[in-house]
Amino acid sequence: MGNRWSVLLIGVLCLPGVGFAHGGGLDSCGGHHDRKRGGYHVHRIANYCACHPEETVCKERSSETTKNEKPKIR
């Protein structure tokens, strides 16, 4: 019986680190507002650039993509 409680206690103590490693979901632009540090934190740059194509990072990303694209062969 004592061994079961030990295993259960260890399991319960380990769960919060896994389940709550990152609070909050992502909005339609691929990020969320960072409450601790302020500002906006992006996880999915493609979604962000679809929402904010005027941002410098999106313009740079777009030009890099066109430079690195291979010609399409038909």
C-alpha atoms as a PDB file:
ATOM      1  CA  MET A   1       0.000   0.000   0.000  1.00  0.00           C
ATOM      2  CA  GLY A   2       2.845   2.392   0.886  1.00  0.00           C
ATOM      3  CA  ASN A   3       4.473   1.849  -2.508  1.00  0.00           C
ATOM      4  CA  ARG A   4       1.252   2.841  -4.321  1.00  0.00           C
ATOM      5  CA  TRP A   5       1.082   6.130  -2.431  1.00  0.00           C
ATOM      6  CA  SER A   6       4.706   6.894  -3.268  1.00  0.00           C
ATOM      7  CA  VAL A   7       4.119   6.289  -6.958  1.00  0.00           C
ATOM      8  CA  LEU A   8       0.932   8.350  -6.884  1.00  0.00           C
ATOM      9  CA  LEU A   9       2.647  11.242  -5.103  1.00  0.00           C
ATOM     10  CA  ILE A  10       5.529  11.284  -7.566  1.00  0.00           C
ATOM     11  CA  GLY A  11       3.106  11.162 -10.480  1.00  0.00           C
ATOM     12  CA  VAL A  12       1.027  14.047  -9.156  1.00  0.00           C
ATOM     13  CA  LEU A  13       4.114  16.173  -8.513  1.00  0.00           C
ATOM     14  CA  CYS A  14       5.380  15.620 -12.064  1.00  0.00           C
ATOM     15  CA  LEU A  15       2.119  16.473 -13.847  1.00  0.00           C
ATOM     16  CA  PRO A  16       2.022  20.260 -13.351  1.00  0.00           C
ATOM     17  CA  GLY A  17       5.370  20.684 -15.113  1.00  0.00           C
ATOM     18  CA  VAL A  18       4.072  18.862 -18.156  1.00  0.00           C
ATOM     19  CA  GLY A  19       0.530  20.220 -18.225  1.00  0.00           C
ATOM     20  CA  PHE A  20       1.223  23.849 -17.419  1.00  0.00           C
ATOM     21  CA  ALA A  21       4.530  24.459 -19.160  1.00  0.00           C
ATOM     22  CA  HIS A  22       2.934  27.107 -21.352  1.00  0.00           C
ATOM     23  CA  GLY A  23      -0.181  28.940 -20.325  1.00  0.00           C
ATOM     24  CA  GLY A  24      -2.649  30.216 -22.877  1.00  0.00           C
ATOM     25  CA  GLY A  25      -3.537  29.282 -26.399  1.00  0.00           C
ATOM     26  CA  LEU A  26      -2.690  30.861 -29.709  1.00  0.00           C
ATOM     27  CA  ASP A  27      -4.852  33.387 -31.472  1.00  0.00           C
ATOM     28  CA  SER A  28      -5.660  33.301 -35.193  1.00  0.00           C
ATOM     29  CA  CYS A  29      -2.378  35.121 -35.928  1.00  0.00           C
ATOM     30  CA  GLY A  30      -0.255  32.337 -34.445  1.00  0.00           C
ATOM     31  CA  GLY A  31       0.746  33.961 -31.152  1.00  0.00           C
ATOM     32  CA  HIS A  32      -0.411  35.417 -27.875  1.00  0.00           C
ATOM     33  CA  HIS A  33       0.158  38.386 -25.602  1.00  0.00           C
ATOM     34  CA  ASP A  34       3.054  37.779 -23.206  1.00  0.00           C
ATOM     35  CA  ARG A  35       1.697  38.770 -19.799  1.00  0.00           C
ATOM     36  CA  LYS A  36       4.999  38.325 -17.966  1.00  0.00           C
ATOM     37  CA  ARG A  37       7.296  40.303 -20.260  1.00  0.00           C
ATOM     38  CA  GLY A  38       4.768  42.339 -22.175  1.00  0.00           C
ATOM     39  CA  GLY A  39       4.389  42.479 -25.911  1.00  0.00           C
ATOM     40  CA  TYR A  40       3.301  39.793 -28.320  1.00  0.00           C
ATOM     41  CA  HIS A  41       4.929  36.359 -28.593  1.00  0.00           C
ATOM     42  CA  VAL A  42       4.791  34.543 -31.951  1.00  0.00           C
ATOM     43  CA  HIS A  43       4.815  30.740 -32.284  1.00  0.00           C
ATOM     44  CA  ARG A  44       3.673  30.352 -35.896  1.00  0.00           C
ATOM     45  CA  ILE A  45       5.335  32.931 -38.122  1.00  0.00           C
ATOM     46  CA  ALA A  46       3.342  31.983 -41.241  1.00  0.00           C
ATOM     47  CA  ASN A  47       0.054  32.766 -39.472  1.00  0.00           C
ATOM     48  CA  TYR A  48       1.518  35.986 -38.060  1.00  0.00           C
ATOM     49  CA  CYS A  49       2.670  37.173 -41.483  1.00  0.00           C
ATOM     50  CA  ALA A  50      -0.737  36.383 -42.975  1.00  0.00           C
ATOM     51  CA  CYS A  51      -2.223  38.769 -40.395  1.00  0.00           C
ATOM     52  CA  HIS A  52       0.576  41.380 -40.496  1.00  0.00           C
ATOM     53  CA  PRO A  53       2.309  41.333 -43.930  1.00  0.00           C
ATOM     54  CA  GLU A  54       3.587  44.886 -43.376  1.00  0.00           C
ATOM     55  CA  GLU A  55       5.883  43.834 -40.508  1.00  0.00           C
ATOM     56  CA  THR A  56       9.611  43.918 -41.273  1.00  0.00           C
ATOM     57  CA  VAL A  57      10.167  40.292 -40.298  1.00  0.00           C
ATOM     58  CA  CYS A  58       7.455  39.238 -42.756  1.00  0.00           C
ATOM     59  CA  LYS A  59       8.887  41.306 -45.610  1.00  0.00           C
ATOM     60  CA  GLU A  60      12.359  39.856 -44.977  1.00  0.00           C
ATOM     61  CA  ARG A  61      10.930  36.344 -44.787  1.00  0.00           C
ATOM     62  CA  SER A  62       9.044  36.835 -48.035  1.00  0.00           C
ATOM     63  CA  SER A  63      12.148  38.052 -49.906  1.00  0.00           C
ATOM     64  CA  GLU A  64      14.240  35.141 -48.543  1.00  0.00           C
ATOM     65  CA  THR A  65      11.622  32.672 -49.741  1.00  0.00           C
ATOM     66  CA  THR A  66      11.605  34.055 -53.276  1.00  0.00           C
ATOM     67  CA  LYS A  67      15.444  34.099 -53.423  1.00  0.00           C
ATOM     68  CA  ASN A  68      15.699  30.470 -52.298  1.00  0.00           C
ATOM     69  CA  GLU A  69      12.907  29.070 -54.429  1.00  0.00           C
ATOM     70  CA  LYS A  70      13.943  26.633 -57.133  1.00  0.00           C
ATOM     71  CA  PRO A  71      12.420  27.129 -60.559  1.00  0.00           C
ATOM     72  CA  LYS A  72       9.456  24.894 -61.253  1.00  0.00           C
ATOM     73  CA  ILE A  73      10.048  22.346 -63.986  1.00  0.00           C
ATOM     74  CA  ARG A  74       6.997  21.234 -65.960  1.00  0.00           C
END
